[in-house]
Amino acid sequence: MPPTTSPRTSFKYIRSFSPNVRAIFEYFGFDDHITKLDKANRLFLVVSKFAAVDLHPEAVPNHQMGLVFEELVRKFNEAANEEAGDHFTPREVIKLMVNILFDPDDDILTQKGIIRTLYDPTCGTGGMLTVSSEHLHHLHPDAQLILFGQDYNPEAYAICCADMLIKGQSLENIKFGDTLGDGKTEDYLPDHKFHYMLANPPFGVKWEPEKENVDKEHDDQGYDGRFGPGYPRINDGSFLFLQHMISKMQPYAHKDRQGSRIGIVFNGSPLFTGDAGSGESEIRKWIIENDWLEAIVALPDQLFYNTGISTYIWIVTNRKTRERKGKIQLINAVDFYRKMRKSLGNKRNEIGDPDQIAEITRIVRFRQACENSRK
C-alpha cells in the first residue's frame, strides 16, 4: 500500500490484484469499509500500522503466515455475533469428525498418488476443509484431497476463499449461495459426487426462504432429487442438508473402496423430533432402511462458542463393512471433555486433543467396540 492513502489510491491498489483476489475483497465489502474509515479519519492510521510491519515472505514464511491467518479466523469467529443457529465449529470437534471419517481408510489413504474429494455444503470460513486437508497430508504428503465447499454468508465465504487461495486450492470449487436453493438454481454442484463430506449445518433455523425451491424439487423429481422422502418441519431445516449430502454420495464399489462417508453435526432435533409419519420420521426411516446410518456419537455439552446445547455427530455411509451391516453404533461420549481454564462465550468444555479424540475414535472402530463389550 502506498505511504499516502486516500480512498482512490486504496481502490486502485485493490483493483490491481487478480480477478480471484478482487472477488474476495468484494465479498468482504472492502470498498464500504474503506469509505467508512476515510470518513472517520482513520484510513491512514490503519494502513500505516500495517505498512510498518514487515510481511515479506522472507520475513514471514508462507507456513507461518498460514498460522497467523488461521488464528485470526478463530478469533473472528469467537468474537462475531453469529446468526441464530450458525455455530462456528471448534477445532477439536472438527478433528474428531475428520478422524472418525477417515479412520477406516487410513491404509488406502497412505498409498502414493491417492486422490480423494471432500465437500462441505455449509463450509463457513472453511475450517472443516482445512483440518481434513491437514489430516490427509499428515497421513501421506503426496496424497491429494480436492476440496469443495459452499456458503451463503458473504464474509465467511470470502475468508474461506482466502484460505483456499493460500493453500493452493481451486476457488472454482468454492461456491457462493444457498445450498438448498435460492429459486434461481437447485444445486450449485449438480454433477458432483464426493468420497467424503462434512458439515455443521444451522440448528433450529427456519427454512422458509428455501421452501418454494425444496417443494418444487420434491414434487418434480421425487427420489431422483434430493428431497424424495420428504422434509422436516419448517422451523428446523438441518435434515435437508443431510439429504443434500446423501444425494452427493459416490456409487459404491468394493474393490477400491469407492462410495462415500458423511459426518454431520446435529442437535437433538433430528434424532428425537417427529411422530410416526412426520417428515422427520420418514427421513429417519429412509436412512435406516437403506442401511446408511453407521454411528451416532453423543458429544459433551458447552462445546460451542455461542450455544451450550448438546450435539451429536452422525456418521452416514453407503459402504458399511460386513460387520456393520444392519447395525447402528450408538456412542455416549458426553464425559469425554476437560474444563477450560477460561470460558469463551458459551464454550466451557473442550474435547482433549489428542488423547480424548483418539479414544473416541478407537471406540467408534466397530471390531474394537465389540471386543470391549464382551469383556
Protein backbone atom coordinates (compact mmCIF):
# COMPACT_ATOMS: atom_id res chain seq x y z
CA MET A 1 0.00 0.00 0.00
CA PRO A 2 1.40 3.45 -0.86
CA PRO A 3 2.54 5.66 2.05
CA THR A 4 -0.08 8.36 1.32
CA THR A 5 -3.52 6.87 1.40
CA SER A 6 -6.89 8.03 0.14
CA PRO A 7 -9.95 6.02 -0.89
CA ARG A 8 -8.96 6.48 -4.53
CA THR A 9 -5.43 5.08 -4.09
CA SER A 10 -6.80 2.28 -1.89
CA PHE A 11 -9.34 1.26 -4.53
CA LYS A 12 -6.66 1.40 -7.22
CA TYR A 13 -4.36 -0.82 -5.14
CA ILE A 14 -7.07 -3.42 -4.53
CA ARG A 15 -8.09 -3.48 -8.19
CA SER A 16 -4.52 -4.28 -9.22
CA PHE A 17 -4.94 -7.82 -7.85
CA SER A 18 -6.07 -10.81 -9.89
CA PRO A 19 -9.82 -11.32 -10.51
CA ASN A 20 -9.97 -14.10 -7.88
CA VAL A 21 -8.46 -11.89 -5.18
CA ARG A 22 -10.60 -8.92 -6.19
CA ALA A 23 -13.70 -11.08 -5.79
CA ILE A 24 -12.64 -11.88 -2.21
CA PHE A 25 -12.32 -8.16 -1.46
CA GLU A 26 -15.79 -7.60 -2.92
CA TYR A 27 -17.41 -10.23 -0.69
CA PHE A 28 -15.68 -8.65 2.31
CA GLY A 29 -17.23 -5.32 1.30
CA PHE A 30 -13.83 -3.61 1.41
CA ASP A 31 -14.97 -0.59 -0.59
CA ASP A 32 -17.57 0.24 2.06
CA HIS A 33 -15.07 -0.28 4.88
CA ILE A 34 -12.51 1.96 3.20
CA THR A 35 -15.09 4.69 2.74
CA LYS A 36 -16.18 4.44 6.38
CA LEU A 37 -12.59 4.57 7.64
CA ASP A 38 -11.87 7.59 5.47
CA LYS A 39 -14.93 9.46 6.73
CA ALA A 40 -13.87 8.70 10.31
CA ASN A 41 -10.32 9.94 9.51
CA ARG A 42 -8.92 6.51 10.38
CA LEU A 43 -7.88 5.15 6.98
CA PHE A 44 -4.30 6.45 7.01
CA LEU A 45 -3.85 5.37 10.64
CA VAL A 46 -4.91 1.77 9.94
CA VAL A 47 -2.90 1.48 6.72
CA SER A 48 0.23 2.98 8.29
CA LYS A 49 0.15 0.39 11.07
CA PHE A 50 0.14 -2.45 8.52
CA ALA A 51 2.78 -0.70 6.39
CA ALA A 52 5.12 -0.64 9.40
CA VAL A 53 5.05 -4.45 9.69
CA ASP A 54 7.43 -6.47 7.50
CA LEU A 55 5.25 -9.19 5.99
CA HIS A 56 7.58 -10.10 3.15
CA PRO A 57 7.79 -13.90 2.58
CA GLU A 58 11.44 -13.81 3.62
CA ALA A 59 10.42 -12.36 6.99
CA VAL A 60 7.21 -14.35 7.45
CA PRO A 61 7.33 -17.67 5.57
CA ASN A 62 4.15 -19.00 3.99
CA HIS A 63 3.62 -21.60 6.71
CA GLN A 64 3.82 -19.01 9.49
CA MET A 65 1.53 -16.66 7.57
CA GLY A 66 -0.94 -19.52 7.30
CA LEU A 67 -0.84 -19.99 11.07
CA VAL A 68 -1.40 -16.25 11.59
CA PHE A 69 -4.34 -16.36 9.21
CA GLU A 70 -5.95 -19.35 10.98
CA GLU A 71 -5.56 -17.62 14.35
CA LEU A 72 -7.28 -14.50 13.01
CA VAL A 73 -10.10 -16.65 11.62
CA ARG A 74 -10.54 -18.33 15.01
CA LYS A 75 -10.65 -15.00 16.85
CA PHE A 76 -13.02 -13.53 14.27
CA ASN A 77 -15.49 -16.36 14.73
CA GLU A 78 -15.29 -16.29 18.52
CA ALA A 79 -15.96 -12.55 18.58
CA ALA A 80 -18.67 -12.50 15.91
CA ASN A 81 -22.32 -12.42 16.88
CA GLU A 82 -23.34 -15.24 14.58
CA GLU A 83 -26.90 -15.58 13.33
CA ALA A 84 -29.19 -17.81 15.35
CA GLY A 85 -28.35 -21.42 14.63
CA ASP A 86 -25.00 -20.72 12.96
CA HIS A 87 -22.32 -22.22 15.17
CA PHE A 88 -18.61 -21.97 14.46
CA THR A 89 -17.23 -25.49 14.93
CA PRO A 90 -14.36 -25.68 17.46
CA ARG A 91 -11.16 -27.11 16.07
CA GLU A 92 -11.16 -30.17 18.34
CA VAL A 93 -14.69 -31.14 17.23
CA ILE A 94 -13.60 -30.92 13.59
CA LYS A 95 -10.54 -33.05 14.33
CA LEU A 96 -12.74 -35.70 15.95
CA MET A 97 -15.09 -35.74 12.96
CA VAL A 98 -12.21 -35.98 10.50
CA ASN A 99 -10.57 -38.77 12.50
CA ILE A 100 -13.79 -40.81 12.55
CA LEU A 101 -14.48 -40.15 8.88
CA PHE A 102 -11.02 -41.12 7.61
CA ASP A 103 -10.15 -43.82 10.17
CA PRO A 104 -11.38 -46.87 8.19
CA ASP A 105 -9.41 -45.68 5.16
CA ASP A 106 -6.05 -44.91 6.74
CA ASP A 107 -4.38 -47.75 4.81
CA ILE A 108 -5.69 -46.73 1.40
CA LEU A 109 -5.11 -43.02 2.08
CA THR A 110 -1.40 -43.68 2.63
CA GLN A 111 -0.99 -45.02 -0.90
CA LYS A 112 1.20 -42.84 -3.07
CA GLY A 113 -0.71 -40.72 -5.56
CA ILE A 114 -4.11 -41.28 -3.96
CA ILE A 115 -6.69 -38.63 -4.91
CA ARG A 116 -9.89 -38.08 -2.93
CA THR A 117 -12.60 -35.42 -2.84
CA LEU A 118 -14.22 -33.76 0.18
CA TYR A 119 -17.25 -31.47 0.31
CA ASP A 120 -18.75 -29.20 2.96
CA PRO A 121 -22.13 -27.71 1.91
CA THR A 122 -22.11 -25.26 4.83
CA CYS A 123 -18.39 -24.53 4.81
CA GLY A 124 -18.40 -21.15 6.57
CA THR A 125 -14.80 -20.00 6.86
CA GLY A 126 -13.50 -23.39 5.71
CA GLY A 127 -12.40 -24.95 9.00
CA MET A 128 -13.54 -28.46 8.13
CA LEU A 129 -11.91 -28.27 4.72
CA THR A 130 -8.61 -27.11 6.23
CA VAL A 131 -8.45 -29.75 9.00
CA SER A 132 -9.33 -32.51 6.53
CA SER A 133 -6.56 -31.43 4.18
CA GLU A 134 -4.05 -31.27 7.05
CA HIS A 135 -5.09 -34.74 8.24
CA LEU A 136 -4.58 -36.33 4.82
CA HIS A 137 -1.28 -34.53 4.32
CA HIS A 138 -0.11 -35.94 7.68
CA LEU A 139 -1.03 -39.47 6.54
CA HIS A 140 0.84 -39.06 3.26
CA PRO A 141 2.38 -35.82 1.94
CA ASP A 142 1.79 -36.95 -1.66
CA ALA A 143 -1.90 -37.73 -1.15
CA GLN A 144 -4.24 -35.19 -2.73
CA LEU A 145 -7.55 -34.06 -1.25
CA ILE A 146 -9.57 -31.89 -3.62
CA LEU A 147 -11.78 -29.59 -1.56
CA PHE A 148 -15.28 -28.35 -2.38
CA GLY A 149 -17.49 -26.06 -0.33
CA GLN A 150 -20.40 -23.67 -0.35
CA ASP A 151 -21.76 -20.93 1.91
CA TYR A 152 -24.27 -18.11 1.69
CA ASN A 153 -22.64 -15.71 4.18
CA PRO A 154 -20.52 -13.23 2.16
CA GLU A 155 -17.78 -12.61 4.75
CA ALA A 156 -17.48 -16.29 5.74
CA TYR A 157 -17.29 -17.19 2.06
CA ALA A 158 -14.57 -14.58 1.50
CA ILE A 159 -12.50 -15.93 4.40
CA CYS A 160 -12.86 -19.48 3.08
CA CYS A 161 -11.77 -18.39 -0.40
CA ALA A 162 -8.75 -16.57 1.04
CA ASP A 163 -7.77 -19.68 2.99
CA MET A 164 -8.16 -21.93 -0.08
CA LEU A 165 -6.11 -19.48 -2.15
CA ILE A 166 -3.28 -19.59 0.41
CA LYS A 167 -3.37 -23.40 0.38
CA GLY A 168 -3.30 -23.66 -3.40
CA GLN A 169 -6.84 -25.00 -3.77
CA SER A 170 -9.07 -24.02 -6.68
CA LEU A 171 -11.56 -21.25 -5.92
CA GLU A 172 -13.77 -22.68 -8.66
CA ASN A 173 -14.70 -25.41 -6.18
CA ILE A 174 -15.94 -22.95 -3.53
CA LYS A 175 -19.44 -21.74 -4.35
CA PHE A 176 -21.35 -18.77 -3.01
CA GLY A 177 -25.06 -19.24 -2.49
CA ASP A 178 -27.76 -21.15 -0.63
CA THR A 179 -27.08 -24.89 -0.68
CA LEU A 180 -30.79 -25.70 -0.51
CA GLY A 181 -31.57 -23.46 -3.48
CA ASP A 182 -32.44 -19.82 -3.87
CA GLY A 183 -35.09 -20.05 -6.57
CA LYS A 184 -32.51 -19.50 -9.32
CA THR A 185 -30.72 -22.81 -9.13
CA GLU A 186 -31.37 -26.11 -7.38
CA ASP A 187 -27.78 -27.22 -6.95
CA TYR A 188 -24.51 -25.35 -7.44
CA LEU A 189 -22.58 -28.60 -7.95
CA PRO A 190 -25.20 -30.65 -9.83
CA ASP A 191 -22.98 -33.35 -11.34
CA HIS A 192 -20.53 -33.83 -8.49
CA LYS A 193 -20.20 -36.83 -6.19
CA PHE A 194 -17.73 -36.93 -3.31
CA HIS A 195 -15.73 -39.51 -1.35
CA TYR A 196 -16.10 -37.62 1.94
CA MET A 197 -18.49 -34.97 3.23
CA LEU A 198 -18.55 -32.95 6.43
CA ALA A 199 -20.99 -30.33 7.69
CA ASN A 200 -22.20 -28.40 10.70
CA PRO A 201 -25.49 -27.00 9.35
CA PRO A 202 -27.53 -24.35 11.18
CA PHE A 203 -29.52 -25.67 14.16
CA GLY A 204 -33.20 -24.87 14.61
CA VAL A 205 -33.34 -22.36 11.76
CA LYS A 206 -36.49 -21.91 9.69
CA TRP A 207 -36.10 -22.77 6.03
CA GLU A 208 -38.94 -20.60 4.72
CA PRO A 209 -36.70 -18.78 2.18
CA GLU A 210 -35.90 -22.12 0.54
CA LYS A 211 -39.36 -23.71 0.86
CA GLU A 212 -40.54 -22.93 -2.66
CA ASN A 213 -37.40 -24.42 -4.17
CA VAL A 214 -37.47 -27.51 -1.90
CA ASP A 215 -41.17 -28.11 -2.60
CA LYS A 216 -40.67 -27.82 -6.35
CA GLU A 217 -37.70 -30.20 -6.40
CA HIS A 218 -39.57 -32.71 -4.22
CA ASP A 219 -42.66 -32.61 -6.43
CA ASP A 220 -40.83 -32.63 -9.78
CA GLN A 221 -38.02 -35.09 -9.08
CA GLY A 222 -39.11 -37.26 -6.15
CA TYR A 223 -36.38 -39.71 -5.17
CA ASP A 224 -34.34 -38.70 -8.23
CA GLY A 225 -33.83 -35.36 -6.49
CA ARG A 226 -32.53 -34.51 -3.06
CA PHE A 227 -35.71 -34.50 -1.00
CA GLY A 228 -37.53 -37.65 -2.08
CA PRO A 229 -38.62 -38.97 1.34
CA GLY A 230 -40.00 -35.57 2.35
CA TYR A 231 -38.77 -32.76 4.52
CA PRO A 232 -38.74 -31.72 8.18
CA ARG A 233 -40.97 -29.17 9.86
CA ILE A 234 -40.42 -25.60 8.77
CA ASN A 235 -38.65 -24.45 11.98
CA ASP A 236 -35.58 -26.70 11.56
CA GLY A 237 -34.03 -27.45 8.18
CA SER A 238 -30.95 -29.34 9.36
CA PHE A 239 -32.21 -32.66 7.95
CA LEU A 240 -32.39 -31.06 4.49
CA PHE A 241 -28.62 -30.66 4.47
CA LEU A 242 -28.09 -34.34 5.24
CA GLN A 243 -30.48 -35.27 2.41
CA HIS A 244 -28.49 -32.98 0.12
CA MET A 245 -25.25 -34.70 1.15
CA ILE A 246 -26.70 -38.18 0.66
CA SER A 247 -27.57 -37.18 -2.92
CA LYS A 248 -23.85 -36.48 -3.40
CA MET A 249 -22.63 -39.95 -2.39
CA GLN A 250 -20.33 -41.77 -4.78
CA PRO A 251 -21.72 -45.08 -6.09
CA TYR A 252 -20.38 -47.95 -4.01
CA ALA A 253 -17.58 -50.13 -5.37
CA HIS A 254 -15.91 -52.62 -3.02
CA LYS A 255 -12.65 -53.11 -4.92
CA ASP A 256 -11.17 -49.62 -4.47
CA ARG A 257 -13.47 -48.51 -1.63
CA GLN A 258 -15.41 -46.11 -3.75
CA GLY A 259 -18.56 -44.85 -2.11
CA SER A 260 -18.90 -42.11 0.47
CA ARG A 261 -18.62 -41.35 4.15
CA ILE A 262 -20.51 -38.42 5.71
CA GLY A 263 -20.00 -36.74 9.06
CA ILE A 264 -22.56 -34.15 10.18
CA VAL A 265 -23.19 -32.29 13.45
CA PHE A 266 -26.80 -32.17 14.68
CA ASN A 267 -28.56 -31.06 17.82
CA GLY A 268 -31.14 -33.41 19.32
CA SER A 269 -33.97 -32.41 16.98
CA PRO A 270 -33.22 -34.74 14.02
CA LEU A 271 -32.75 -37.60 16.46
CA PHE A 272 -35.91 -37.21 18.55
CA THR A 273 -38.40 -34.85 16.85
CA GLY A 274 -41.41 -36.06 14.85
CA ASP A 275 -44.05 -38.72 15.41
CA ALA A 276 -44.52 -41.69 13.08
CA GLY A 277 -45.47 -40.46 9.63
CA SER A 278 -43.99 -37.00 10.13
CA GLY A 279 -41.33 -35.58 7.85
CA GLU A 280 -38.52 -36.24 10.31
CA SER A 281 -39.73 -39.78 10.94
CA GLU A 282 -39.93 -40.55 7.23
CA ILE A 283 -36.40 -39.23 6.64
CA ARG A 284 -35.02 -41.34 9.51
CA LYS A 285 -36.90 -44.38 8.18
CA TRP A 286 -35.46 -43.82 4.69
CA ILE A 287 -31.90 -43.55 6.01
CA ILE A 288 -32.18 -46.60 8.27
CA GLU A 289 -33.96 -48.80 5.72
CA ASN A 290 -31.16 -48.08 3.25
CA ASP A 291 -28.68 -49.07 5.98
CA TRP A 292 -26.72 -45.82 5.64
CA LEU A 293 -26.56 -44.80 9.31
CA GLU A 294 -23.32 -46.18 10.74
CA ALA A 295 -22.95 -44.42 14.09
CA ILE A 296 -24.20 -41.58 16.28
CA VAL A 297 -21.80 -40.04 18.80
CA ALA A 298 -23.29 -38.00 21.67
CA LEU A 299 -20.88 -35.15 22.46
CA PRO A 300 -20.40 -33.19 25.71
CA ASP A 301 -22.40 -30.01 26.10
CA GLN A 302 -20.93 -26.49 26.20
CA LEU A 303 -18.51 -27.21 23.35
CA PHE A 304 -19.63 -24.39 21.04
CA TYR A 305 -18.91 -20.68 21.39
CA ASN A 306 -22.46 -19.35 21.13
CA THR A 307 -24.60 -22.22 22.42
CA GLY A 308 -24.44 -24.68 25.28
CA ILE A 309 -26.80 -27.29 23.78
CA SER A 310 -25.98 -30.97 23.42
CA THR A 311 -24.80 -32.07 19.99
CA TYR A 312 -24.38 -35.32 18.09
CA ILE A 313 -22.16 -36.49 15.26
CA TRP A 314 -23.95 -38.68 12.72
CA ILE A 315 -21.82 -40.92 10.51
CA VAL A 316 -23.64 -41.89 7.31
CA THR A 317 -22.18 -44.10 4.57
CA ASN A 318 -23.17 -46.27 1.63
CA ARG A 319 -20.22 -48.60 2.14
CA LYS A 320 -20.60 -50.21 5.53
CA THR A 321 -18.22 -53.06 6.29
CA ARG A 322 -19.67 -56.57 6.54
CA GLU A 323 -19.52 -56.44 10.34
CA ARG A 324 -21.60 -53.26 10.44
CA LYS A 325 -24.37 -54.35 8.06
CA GLY A 326 -27.79 -53.90 9.62
CA LYS A 327 -26.36 -52.26 12.75
CA ILE A 328 -26.17 -48.71 14.14
CA GLN A 329 -23.50 -47.91 16.70
CA LEU A 330 -24.59 -45.53 19.48
CA ILE A 331 -21.74 -43.98 21.46
CA ASN A 332 -22.08 -41.97 24.65
CA ALA A 333 -19.10 -39.62 24.69
CA VAL A 334 -20.65 -36.92 26.90
CA ASP A 335 -17.97 -37.38 29.57
CA PHE A 336 -15.05 -37.07 27.16
CA TYR A 337 -14.13 -33.47 27.89
CA ARG A 338 -11.99 -31.27 30.06
CA LYS A 339 -12.94 -27.96 31.60
CA MET A 340 -11.35 -24.93 30.01
CA ARG A 341 -9.37 -22.59 32.24
CA LYS A 342 -11.17 -19.66 30.68
CA SER A 343 -14.59 -19.79 29.05
CA LEU A 344 -15.05 -18.43 25.52
CA GLY A 345 -18.68 -17.33 25.35
CA ASN A 346 -20.75 -20.47 25.96
CA LYS A 347 -17.76 -22.71 25.36
CA ARG A 348 -16.66 -24.01 28.75
CA ASN A 349 -15.61 -27.53 27.75
CA GLU A 350 -13.27 -28.95 25.16
CA ILE A 351 -12.51 -32.46 23.95
CA GLY A 352 -8.91 -33.26 24.80
CA ASP A 353 -6.57 -33.33 21.82
CA PRO A 354 -5.07 -35.81 21.11
CA ASP A 355 -5.92 -38.24 23.94
CA GLN A 356 -9.72 -38.00 24.15
CA ILE A 357 -10.10 -37.58 20.40
CA ALA A 358 -8.05 -40.74 19.88
CA GLU A 359 -10.08 -42.64 22.49
CA ILE A 360 -13.45 -41.74 20.96
CA THR A 361 -12.10 -42.66 17.51
CA ARG A 362 -10.96 -46.01 18.89
CA ILE A 363 -14.40 -46.68 20.37
CA VAL A 364 -16.05 -45.95 17.04
CA ARG A 365 -13.98 -48.71 15.46
CA PHE A 366 -16.56 -51.43 15.32
CA ARG A 367 -14.46 -54.53 15.98
CA GLN A 368 -12.71 -52.94 18.94
CA ALA A 369 -16.04 -51.83 20.39
CA CYS A 370 -17.39 -55.38 20.06
CA GLU A 371 -14.33 -56.81 21.79
CA ASN A 372 -14.74 -54.35 24.66
CA SER A 373 -18.41 -55.27 25.07
CA ARG A 374 -17.51 -58.93 25.55
CA LYS A 375 -15.08 -58.20 28.39
